[in-house]
Amino acid sequence: MNKARQRHPREHTWRNAPVIFEVARATFLRNVFDAFIVFVVLIQPLIIALIAIWMLRGGEEGDTIFVVVGSGMSGLWSSLLFITGGSLSWERSRGTLEMIVGSPSPLWVIVTGKIFAQVAQSAVSMFVAYVAASIVFRQPLTIALPGWFGASLLATLLGFVSFGLVIAPFFLLNPAIQVWNNGLEFPVYILAGFLFPVALLPKWTNPLSWMLAPYWAARALHSAAQGKDMSHILFSIMMLFLVSILHIYISRFLFRKVLKKARVDATLGYQ
């Protein structure tokens, strides 16, 4: 594999855009009728939303919209974690992972396409949580700043893609890491402040939250939904972009490790 094959998103990104689109389309079509993915994207966030709203019944509307947004984000994170690992394990189990690494398109391009499909599909989680709160509990939900909420949602999707690019190489480097999926799911729920403010956590955990794109995404969405000051929303979006760029640079290093492992071991299969 020559050096051109190892180039990362800042190089030839637009040239690889058609490949990313086709991989995303194929992945989306393959996942859309998968029962496990339907559970993670639709059923799990619905259960979380219903339980949380039931616990908050009779409370303020701001608390309810906070939980609805957080429930949707929990589905976004769960699907990113489980489906990314599952998709790469699916390729490995069928012996096609080495073929992907050896294809003319760089590895990060293929993985990015898969992650885009998963993030787009899991964005439905937020809609499901909103509908559940509106219909089942008849909660009067209002997004205070819909324009800023839409902008924050777009930034959130891009932030989750960058975060997915960080976690994907670990599934490629070590197949056994998938057994830790359940253990990895809830720490991000907590540190990102999906369902409750991180101010309730010990202060020593704050730097861990600041390093996560999902934290800044949740902060931006919660702020827009609750109508907080625009400077607060802008700062969250700005930090989300900065942390996302950091994630992309970290993933650049990790994908190089994957390619090195593929060259040294001559395989990325189960060992």
C-alpha atoms as a PDB file:
ATOM      1  CA  MET A   1       0.000   0.000   0.000  1.00  0.00           C
ATOM      2  CA  ASN A   2       1.571   3.241  -1.078  1.00  0.00           C
ATOM      3  CA  LYS A   3       1.395   6.560   0.688  1.00  0.00           C
ATOM      4  CA  ALA A   4      -1.388   7.839  -1.558  1.00  0.00           C
ATOM      5  CA  ARG A   5      -3.614   5.074  -0.242  1.00  0.00           C
ATOM      6  CA  GLN A   6      -3.097   6.259   3.333  1.00  0.00           C
ATOM      7  CA  ARG A   7      -4.232   9.832   2.782  1.00  0.00           C
ATOM      8  CA  HIS A   8      -7.005  10.998   5.014  1.00  0.00           C
ATOM      9  CA  PRO A   9     -10.070  13.259   4.749  1.00  0.00           C
ATOM     10  CA  ARG A  10      -8.275  16.529   4.073  1.00  0.00           C
ATOM     11  CA  GLU A  11      -6.788  15.057   0.892  1.00  0.00           C
ATOM     12  CA  HIS A  12      -9.027  14.312  -2.102  1.00  0.00           C
ATOM     13  CA  THR A  13     -12.200  14.427   0.023  1.00  0.00           C
ATOM     14  CA  TRP A  14     -14.387  15.704  -2.788  1.00  0.00           C
ATOM     15  CA  ARG A  15     -12.932  13.205  -5.242  1.00  0.00           C
ATOM     16  CA  ASN A  16     -13.998  10.432  -2.880  1.00  0.00           C
ATOM     17  CA  ALA A  17     -17.475  11.896  -2.279  1.00  0.00           C
ATOM     18  CA  PRO A  18     -19.187   9.614  -4.869  1.00  0.00           C
ATOM     19  CA  VAL A  19     -17.652   6.565  -3.180  1.00  0.00           C
ATOM     20  CA  ILE A  20     -18.823   7.748   0.243  1.00  0.00           C
ATOM     21  CA  PHE A  21     -22.325   8.293  -1.157  1.00  0.00           C
ATOM     22  CA  GLU A  22     -22.529   4.848  -2.775  1.00  0.00           C
ATOM     23  CA  VAL A  23     -21.243   3.087   0.338  1.00  0.00           C
ATOM     24  CA  ALA A  24     -23.725   5.047   2.467  1.00  0.00           C
ATOM     25  CA  ARG A  25     -26.590   4.165   0.123  1.00  0.00           C
ATOM     26  CA  ALA A  26     -25.721   0.455   0.062  1.00  0.00           C
ATOM     27  CA  THR A  27     -25.285   0.359   3.847  1.00  0.00           C
ATOM     28  CA  PHE A  28     -28.570   2.166   4.441  1.00  0.00           C
ATOM     29  CA  LEU A  29     -30.502  -0.229   2.196  1.00  0.00           C
ATOM     30  CA  ARG A  30     -28.922  -3.236   3.916  1.00  0.00           C
ATOM     31  CA  ASN A  31     -29.659  -1.916   7.406  1.00  0.00           C
ATOM     32  CA  VAL A  32     -33.170  -0.562   6.947  1.00  0.00           C
ATOM     33  CA  PHE A  33     -34.893  -3.934   7.484  1.00  0.00           C
ATOM     34  CA  ASP A  34     -32.442  -5.336  10.044  1.00  0.00           C
ATOM     35  CA  ALA A  35     -34.434  -6.210  13.185  1.00  0.00           C
ATOM     36  CA  PHE A  36     -31.624  -5.362  15.618  1.00  0.00           C
ATOM     37  CA  ILE A  37     -31.014  -1.983  13.986  1.00  0.00           C
ATOM     38  CA  VAL A  38     -34.737  -1.206  14.049  1.00  0.00           C
ATOM     39  CA  PHE A  39     -34.703  -1.976  17.788  1.00  0.00           C
ATOM     40  CA  VAL A  40     -31.685   0.254  18.478  1.00  0.00           C
ATOM     41  CA  VAL A  41     -32.945   3.138  16.328  1.00  0.00           C
ATOM     42  CA  LEU A  42     -36.675   3.038  17.112  1.00  0.00           C
ATOM     43  CA  ILE A  43     -37.612   0.858  20.081  1.00  0.00           C
ATOM     44  CA  GLN A  44     -34.790   1.581  22.556  1.00  0.00           C
ATOM     45  CA  PRO A  45     -35.025   5.410  22.451  1.00  0.00           C
ATOM     46  CA  LEU A  46     -38.809   5.086  22.602  1.00  0.00           C
ATOM     47  CA  ILE A  47     -38.555   3.040  25.807  1.00  0.00           C
ATOM     48  CA  ILE A  48     -36.068   5.503  27.318  1.00  0.00           C
ATOM     49  CA  ALA A  49     -38.273   8.459  26.397  1.00  0.00           C
ATOM     50  CA  LEU A  50     -41.444   6.889  27.784  1.00  0.00           C
ATOM     51  CA  ILE A  51     -39.832   5.931  31.094  1.00  0.00           C
ATOM     52  CA  ALA A  52     -38.158   9.318  31.540  1.00  0.00           C
ATOM     53  CA  ILE A  53     -41.285  11.296  30.626  1.00  0.00           C
ATOM     54  CA  TRP A  54     -43.408   9.145  32.933  1.00  0.00           C
ATOM     55  CA  MET A  55     -41.001   9.950  35.768  1.00  0.00           C
ATOM     56  CA  LEU A  56     -41.216  13.671  34.930  1.00  0.00           C
ATOM     57  CA  ARG A  57     -44.993  13.822  34.426  1.00  0.00           C
ATOM     58  CA  GLY A  58     -46.422  16.954  35.972  1.00  0.00           C
ATOM     59  CA  GLY A  59     -43.069  18.710  35.755  1.00  0.00           C
ATOM     60  CA  GLU A  60     -42.074  21.718  33.702  1.00  0.00           C
ATOM     61  CA  GLU A  61     -42.157  21.628  29.907  1.00  0.00           C
ATOM     62  CA  GLY A  62     -38.450  22.469  29.780  1.00  0.00           C
ATOM     63  CA  ASP A  63     -37.640  19.252  31.611  1.00  0.00           C
ATOM     64  CA  THR A  64     -39.703  17.214  29.161  1.00  0.00           C
ATOM     65  CA  ILE A  65     -38.108  18.653  26.028  1.00  0.00           C
ATOM     66  CA  PHE A  66     -34.694  18.077  27.622  1.00  0.00           C
ATOM     67  CA  VAL A  67     -35.525  14.389  28.091  1.00  0.00           C
ATOM     68  CA  VAL A  68     -37.003  14.053  24.593  1.00  0.00           C
ATOM     69  CA  VAL A  69     -33.880  15.482  22.960  1.00  0.00           C
ATOM     70  CA  GLY A  70     -31.656  13.374  25.205  1.00  0.00           C
ATOM     71  CA  SER A  71     -33.584  10.195  24.415  1.00  0.00           C
ATOM     72  CA  GLY A  72     -33.107  10.805  20.715  1.00  0.00           C
ATOM     73  CA  MET A  73     -29.406  11.372  21.217  1.00  0.00           C
ATOM     74  CA  SER A  74     -29.120   8.167  23.221  1.00  0.00           C
ATOM     75  CA  GLY A  75     -30.501   6.316  20.209  1.00  0.00           C
ATOM     76  CA  LEU A  76     -28.059   8.147  17.961  1.00  0.00           C
ATOM     77  CA  TRP A  77     -25.102   7.088  20.095  1.00  0.00           C
ATOM     78  CA  SER A  78     -26.268   3.499  20.617  1.00  0.00           C
ATOM     79  CA  SER A  79     -26.791   2.943  16.914  1.00  0.00           C
ATOM     80  CA  LEU A  80     -23.423   4.493  16.081  1.00  0.00           C
ATOM     81  CA  LEU A  81     -21.674   2.230  18.576  1.00  0.00           C
ATOM     82  CA  PHE A  82     -23.479  -1.034  17.878  1.00  0.00           C
ATOM     83  CA  ILE A  83     -24.037  -0.675  14.147  1.00  0.00           C
ATOM     84  CA  THR A  84     -20.505   0.522  13.386  1.00  0.00           C
ATOM     85  CA  GLY A  85     -19.017  -2.444  15.203  1.00  0.00           C
ATOM     86  CA  GLY A  86     -21.609  -4.801  13.762  1.00  0.00           C
ATOM     87  CA  SER A  87     -21.069  -3.603  10.212  1.00  0.00           C
ATOM     88  CA  LEU A  88     -17.306  -4.099  10.380  1.00  0.00           C
ATOM     89  CA  SER A  89     -17.719  -7.469  12.092  1.00  0.00           C
ATOM     90  CA  TRP A  90     -20.124  -8.463   9.315  1.00  0.00           C
ATOM     91  CA  GLU A  91     -17.443  -7.673   6.723  1.00  0.00           C
ATOM     92  CA  ARG A  92     -14.842  -9.572   8.764  1.00  0.00           C
ATOM     93  CA  SER A  93     -17.007 -12.678   9.189  1.00  0.00           C
ATOM     94  CA  ARG A  94     -17.562 -12.863   5.437  1.00  0.00           C
ATOM     95  CA  GLY A  95     -13.907 -12.427   4.597  1.00  0.00           C
ATOM     96  CA  THR A  96     -14.452  -9.145   2.767  1.00  0.00           C
ATOM     97  CA  LEU A  97     -12.677  -6.848   5.231  1.00  0.00           C
ATOM     98  CA  GLU A  98      -9.258  -7.488   3.685  1.00  0.00           C
ATOM     99  CA  MET A  99     -10.769  -6.843   0.256  1.00  0.00           C
ATOM    100  CA  ILE A 100     -12.040  -3.463   1.445  1.00  0.00           C
ATOM    101  CA  VAL A 101      -8.602  -2.547   2.800  1.00  0.00           C
ATOM    102  CA  GLY A 102      -7.047  -3.584  -0.511  1.00  0.00           C
ATOM    103  CA  SER A 103      -9.594  -1.766  -2.689  1.00  0.00           C
ATOM    104  CA  PRO A 104      -8.611   1.329  -4.731  1.00  0.00           C
ATOM    105  CA  SER A 105     -10.596   3.588  -2.382  1.00  0.00           C
ATOM    106  CA  PRO A 106      -8.894   4.388   0.943  1.00  0.00           C
ATOM    107  CA  LEU A 107     -10.186   2.538   3.989  1.00  0.00           C
ATOM    108  CA  TRP A 108     -11.373   5.704   5.716  1.00  0.00           C
ATOM    109  CA  VAL A 109     -13.600   6.479   2.719  1.00  0.00           C
ATOM    110  CA  ILE A 110     -15.434   3.158   2.994  1.00  0.00           C
ATOM    111  CA  VAL A 111     -15.822   3.478   6.767  1.00  0.00           C
ATOM    112  CA  THR A 112     -17.028   7.090   6.447  1.00  0.00           C
ATOM    113  CA  GLY A 113     -19.744   5.998   4.037  1.00  0.00           C
ATOM    114  CA  LYS A 114     -20.906   3.316   6.451  1.00  0.00           C
ATOM    115  CA  ILE A 115     -20.967   5.770   9.356  1.00  0.00           C
ATOM    116  CA  PHE A 116     -22.872   8.401   7.348  1.00  0.00           C
ATOM    117  CA  ALA A 117     -25.593   5.838   6.629  1.00  0.00           C
ATOM    118  CA  GLN A 118     -25.811   4.800  10.270  1.00  0.00           C
ATOM    119  CA  VAL A 119     -25.956   8.360  11.581  1.00  0.00           C
ATOM    120  CA  ALA A 120     -28.598   9.371   9.029  1.00  0.00           C
ATOM    121  CA  GLN A 121     -30.704   6.333   9.874  1.00  0.00           C
ATOM    122  CA  SER A 122     -30.394   6.805  13.617  1.00  0.00           C
ATOM    123  CA  ALA A 123     -31.418  10.472  13.382  1.00  0.00           C
ATOM    124  CA  VAL A 124     -34.948   9.048  13.291  1.00  0.00           C
ATOM    125  CA  SER A 125     -34.526   8.350  17.036  1.00  0.00           C
ATOM    126  CA  MET A 126     -35.146  11.983  17.943  1.00  0.00           C
ATOM    127  CA  PHE A 127     -38.319  12.115  15.874  1.00  0.00           C
ATOM    128  CA  VAL A 128     -39.592   8.914  17.515  1.00  0.00           C
ATOM    129  CA  ALA A 129     -38.964  10.307  21.005  1.00  0.00           C
ATOM    130  CA  TYR A 130     -40.755  13.551  20.102  1.00  0.00           C
ATOM    131  CA  VAL A 131     -43.794  11.726  18.697  1.00  0.00           C
ATOM    132  CA  ALA A 132     -43.944   9.454  21.751  1.00  0.00           C
ATOM    133  CA  ALA A 133     -44.009  12.402  24.114  1.00  0.00           C
ATOM    134  CA  SER A 134     -46.607  14.267  22.062  1.00  0.00           C
ATOM    135  CA  ILE A 135     -49.019  11.396  21.420  1.00  0.00           C
ATOM    136  CA  VAL A 136     -48.644   8.946  24.297  1.00  0.00           C
ATOM    137  CA  PHE A 137     -48.309  11.469  27.127  1.00  0.00           C
ATOM    138  CA  ARG A 138     -49.876  14.435  25.306  1.00  0.00           C
ATOM    139  CA  GLN A 139     -47.058  16.674  26.389  1.00  0.00           C
ATOM    140  CA  PRO A 140     -47.076  20.198  24.851  1.00  0.00           C
ATOM    141  CA  LEU A 141     -43.556  20.183  23.454  1.00  0.00           C
ATOM    142  CA  THR A 142     -42.150  23.339  21.927  1.00  0.00           C
ATOM    143  CA  ILE A 143     -38.691  23.892  20.478  1.00  0.00           C
ATOM    144  CA  ALA A 144     -37.918  27.455  21.500  1.00  0.00           C
ATOM    145  CA  LEU A 145     -35.443  28.202  18.698  1.00  0.00           C
ATOM    146  CA  PRO A 146     -36.250  25.880  15.772  1.00  0.00           C
ATOM    147  CA  GLY A 147     -33.759  27.531  13.403  1.00  0.00           C
ATOM    148  CA  TRP A 148     -30.863  27.121  15.798  1.00  0.00           C
ATOM    149  CA  PHE A 149     -32.104  23.649  16.672  1.00  0.00           C
ATOM    150  CA  GLY A 150     -31.908  22.662  12.989  1.00  0.00           C
ATOM    151  CA  ALA A 151     -28.395  24.091  12.688  1.00  0.00           C
ATOM    152  CA  SER A 152     -27.359  22.289  15.873  1.00  0.00           C
ATOM    153  CA  LEU A 153     -28.832  19.039  14.561  1.00  0.00           C
ATOM    154  CA  LEU A 154     -26.797  19.253  11.341  1.00  0.00           C
ATOM    155  CA  ALA A 155     -23.651  19.978  13.362  1.00  0.00           C
ATOM    156  CA  THR A 156     -24.559  17.055  15.637  1.00  0.00           C
ATOM    157  CA  LEU A 157     -24.742  14.613  12.731  1.00  0.00           C
ATOM    158  CA  LEU A 158     -21.321  15.718  11.481  1.00  0.00           C
ATOM    159  CA  GLY A 159     -19.933  15.509  15.015  1.00  0.00           C
ATOM    160  CA  PHE A 160     -21.184  11.953  15.426  1.00  0.00           C
ATOM    161  CA  VAL A 161     -19.620  10.985  12.091  1.00  0.00           C
ATOM    162  CA  SER A 162     -16.249  12.285  13.306  1.00  0.00           C
ATOM    163  CA  PHE A 163     -16.686  10.424  16.607  1.00  0.00           C
ATOM    164  CA  GLY A 164     -17.540   7.274  14.679  1.00  0.00           C
ATOM    165  CA  LEU A 165     -14.287   7.621  12.741  1.00  0.00           C
ATOM    166  CA  VAL A 166     -12.451   7.443  16.071  1.00  0.00           C
ATOM    167  CA  ILE A 167     -14.166   4.322  17.390  1.00  0.00           C
ATOM    168  CA  ALA A 168     -14.269   2.381  14.087  1.00  0.00           C
ATOM    169  CA  PRO A 169     -10.505   1.642  13.933  1.00  0.00           C
ATOM    170  CA  PHE A 170     -10.674  -0.056  17.342  1.00  0.00           C
ATOM    171  CA  PHE A 171     -13.153  -2.575  15.952  1.00  0.00           C
ATOM    172  CA  LEU A 172     -10.760  -3.135  13.048  1.00  0.00           C
ATOM    173  CA  LEU A 173      -7.684  -3.517  15.240  1.00  0.00           C
ATOM    174  CA  ASN A 174      -9.238  -5.904  17.756  1.00  0.00           C
ATOM    175  CA  PRO A 175     -12.386  -7.939  16.979  1.00  0.00           C
ATOM    176  CA  ALA A 176     -12.830  -8.756  20.680  1.00  0.00           C
ATOM    177  CA  ILE A 177     -13.645  -5.140  21.523  1.00  0.00           C
ATOM    178  CA  GLN A 178     -17.210  -5.630  20.314  1.00  0.00           C
ATOM    179  CA  VAL A 179     -18.017  -7.608  23.468  1.00  0.00           C
ATOM    180  CA  TRP A 180     -17.491  -4.351  25.391  1.00  0.00           C
ATOM    181  CA  ASN A 181     -20.232  -2.498  23.500  1.00  0.00           C
ATOM    182  CA  ASN A 182     -22.666  -2.523  26.410  1.00  0.00           C
ATOM    183  CA  GLY A 183     -19.959  -1.263  28.738  1.00  0.00           C
ATOM    184  CA  LEU A 184     -19.088   1.588  26.374  1.00  0.00           C
ATOM    185  CA  GLU A 185     -22.674   2.683  25.841  1.00  0.00           C
ATOM    186  CA  PHE A 186     -23.605   4.130  29.224  1.00  0.00           C
ATOM    187  CA  PRO A 187     -20.424   6.094  30.057  1.00  0.00           C
ATOM    188  CA  VAL A 188     -21.072   8.286  27.012  1.00  0.00           C
ATOM    189  CA  TYR A 189     -24.750   8.653  28.015  1.00  0.00           C
ATOM    190  CA  ILE A 190     -23.524  10.013  31.341  1.00  0.00           C
ATOM    191  CA  LEU A 191     -20.506  12.074  30.280  1.00  0.00           C
ATOM    192  CA  ALA A 192     -22.320  13.668  27.334  1.00  0.00           C
ATOM    193  CA  GLY A 193     -25.252  14.761  29.484  1.00  0.00           C
ATOM    194  CA  PHE A 194     -27.938  13.290  27.258  1.00  0.00           C
ATOM    195  CA  LEU A 195     -30.607  12.875  29.937  1.00  0.00           C
ATOM    196  CA  PHE A 196     -29.320  15.032  32.791  1.00  0.00           C
ATOM    197  CA  PRO A 197     -26.888  17.974  33.082  1.00  0.00           C
ATOM    198  CA  VAL A 198     -23.227  17.082  33.557  1.00  0.00           C
ATOM    199  CA  ALA A 199     -23.178  19.670  36.350  1.00  0.00           C
ATOM    200  CA  LEU A 200     -24.567  16.877  38.533  1.00  0.00           C
ATOM    201  CA  LEU A 201     -21.383  14.853  37.994  1.00  0.00           C
ATOM    202  CA  PRO A 202     -18.145  15.229  39.990  1.00  0.00           C
ATOM    203  CA  LYS A 203     -16.039  18.094  38.650  1.00  0.00           C
ATOM    204  CA  TRP A 204     -13.115  15.812  37.801  1.00  0.00           C
ATOM    205  CA  THR A 205     -15.273  14.268  35.056  1.00  0.00           C
ATOM    206  CA  ASN A 206     -15.740  17.589  33.236  1.00  0.00           C
ATOM    207  CA  PRO A 207     -12.563  17.352  31.103  1.00  0.00           C
ATOM    208  CA  LEU A 208     -13.693  13.906  29.942  1.00  0.00           C
ATOM    209  CA  SER A 209     -16.989  15.414  28.781  1.00  0.00           C
ATOM    210  CA  TRP A 210     -15.267  18.303  27.015  1.00  0.00           C
ATOM    211  CA  MET A 211     -13.273  15.895  24.852  1.00  0.00           C
ATOM    212  CA  LEU A 212     -16.409  14.247  23.448  1.00  0.00           C
ATOM    213  CA  ALA A 213     -18.246  15.565  20.394  1.00  0.00           C
ATOM    214  CA  PRO A 214     -21.552  14.115  21.709  1.00  0.00           C
ATOM    215  CA  TYR A 215     -21.274  16.356  24.792  1.00  0.00           C
ATOM    216  CA  TRP A 216     -21.098  19.561  22.745  1.00  0.00           C
ATOM    217  CA  ALA A 217     -23.806  18.246  20.430  1.00  0.00           C
ATOM    218  CA  ALA A 218     -26.126  17.583  23.369  1.00  0.00           C
ATOM    219  CA  ARG A 219     -25.341  20.976  24.857  1.00  0.00           C
ATOM    220  CA  ALA A 220     -26.152  22.765  21.587  1.00  0.00           C
ATOM    221  CA  LEU A 221     -29.410  20.859  21.024  1.00  0.00           C
ATOM    222  CA  HIS A 222     -30.596  21.225  24.620  1.00  0.00           C
ATOM    223  CA  SER A 223     -29.814  24.954  24.555  1.00  0.00           C
ATOM    224  CA  ALA A 224     -31.692  25.536  21.286  1.00  0.00           C
ATOM    225  CA  ALA A 225     -34.665  23.453  22.415  1.00  0.00           C
ATOM    226  CA  GLN A 226     -34.940  25.324  25.716  1.00  0.00           C
ATOM    227  CA  GLY A 227     -34.344  28.783  24.226  1.00  0.00           C
ATOM    228  CA  LYS A 228     -31.104  29.658  25.961  1.00  0.00           C
ATOM    229  CA  ASP A 229     -28.928  32.611  24.973  1.00  0.00           C
ATOM    230  CA  MET A 230     -27.655  32.434  21.377  1.00  0.00           C
ATOM    231  CA  SER A 231     -24.072  33.007  22.508  1.00  0.00           C
ATOM    232  CA  HIS A 232     -24.359  29.791  24.514  1.00  0.00           C
ATOM    233  CA  ILE A 233     -25.581  27.902  21.435  1.00  0.00           C
ATOM    234  CA  LEU A 234     -22.917  29.398  19.161  1.00  0.00           C
ATOM    235  CA  PHE A 235     -20.166  28.511  21.604  1.00  0.00           C
ATOM    236  CA  SER A 236     -21.407  24.920  21.800  1.00  0.00           C
ATOM    237  CA  ILE A 237     -21.523  24.587  18.002  1.00  0.00           C
ATOM    238  CA  MET A 238     -18.063  26.117  17.672  1.00  0.00           C
ATOM    239  CA  MET A 239     -16.640  23.712  20.241  1.00  0.00           C
ATOM    240  CA  LEU A 240     -18.436  20.839  18.508  1.00  0.00           C
ATOM    241  CA  PHE A 241     -16.645  21.674  15.257  1.00  0.00           C
ATOM    242  CA  LEU A 242     -13.277  22.027  17.003  1.00  0.00           C
ATOM    243  CA  VAL A 243     -13.629  18.713  18.832  1.00  0.00           C
ATOM    244  CA  SER A 244     -14.829  17.065  15.604  1.00  0.00           C
ATOM    245  CA  ILE A 245     -11.670  18.240  13.833  1.00  0.00           C
ATOM    246  CA  LEU A 246      -9.646  16.800  16.715  1.00  0.00           C
ATOM    247  CA  HIS A 247     -11.492  13.494  16.332  1.00  0.00           C
ATOM    248  CA  ILE A 248     -10.682  13.416  12.611  1.00  0.00           C
ATOM    249  CA  TYR A 249      -6.974  13.939  13.283  1.00  0.00           C
ATOM    250  CA  ILE A 250      -7.011  11.202  15.916  1.00  0.00           C
ATOM    251  CA  SER A 251      -8.759   8.863  13.490  1.00  0.00           C
ATOM    252  CA  ARG A 252      -6.068   9.617  10.922  1.00  0.00           C
ATOM    253  CA  PHE A 253      -3.474   8.154  13.274  1.00  0.00           C
ATOM    254  CA  LEU A 254      -5.690   5.168  14.114  1.00  0.00           C
ATOM    255  CA  PHE A 255      -6.401   4.283  10.484  1.00  0.00           C
ATOM    256  CA  ARG A 256      -2.664   4.263   9.849  1.00  0.00           C
ATOM    257  CA  LYS A 257      -2.357   1.728  12.664  1.00  0.00           C
ATOM    258  CA  VAL A 258      -5.009  -0.411  10.974  1.00  0.00           C
ATOM    259  CA  LEU A 259      -3.150  -0.330   7.655  1.00  0.00           C
ATOM    260  CA  LYS A 260       0.113  -1.184   9.397  1.00  0.00           C
ATOM    261  CA  LYS A 261      -1.542  -4.157  11.103  1.00  0.00           C
ATOM    262  CA  ALA A 262      -2.940  -5.316   7.769  1.00  0.00           C
ATOM    263  CA  ARG A 263       0.533  -5.219   6.209  1.00  0.00           C
ATOM    264  CA  VAL A 264       2.309  -6.904   9.129  1.00  0.00           C
ATOM    265  CA  ASP A 265      -0.267  -9.629   9.850  1.00  0.00           C
ATOM    266  CA  ALA A 266      -1.465  -9.988   6.242  1.00  0.00           C
ATOM    267  CA  THR A 267      -4.997 -10.255   7.637  1.00  0.00           C
ATOM    268  CA  LEU A 268      -7.638  -8.399   9.624  1.00  0.00           C
ATOM    269  CA  GLY A 269      -9.673 -11.516  10.288  1.00  0.00           C
ATOM    270  CA  TYR A 270     -10.310 -13.334  13.551  1.00  0.00           C
ATOM    271  CA  GLN A 271      -7.036 -14.387  15.149  1.00  0.00           C
END
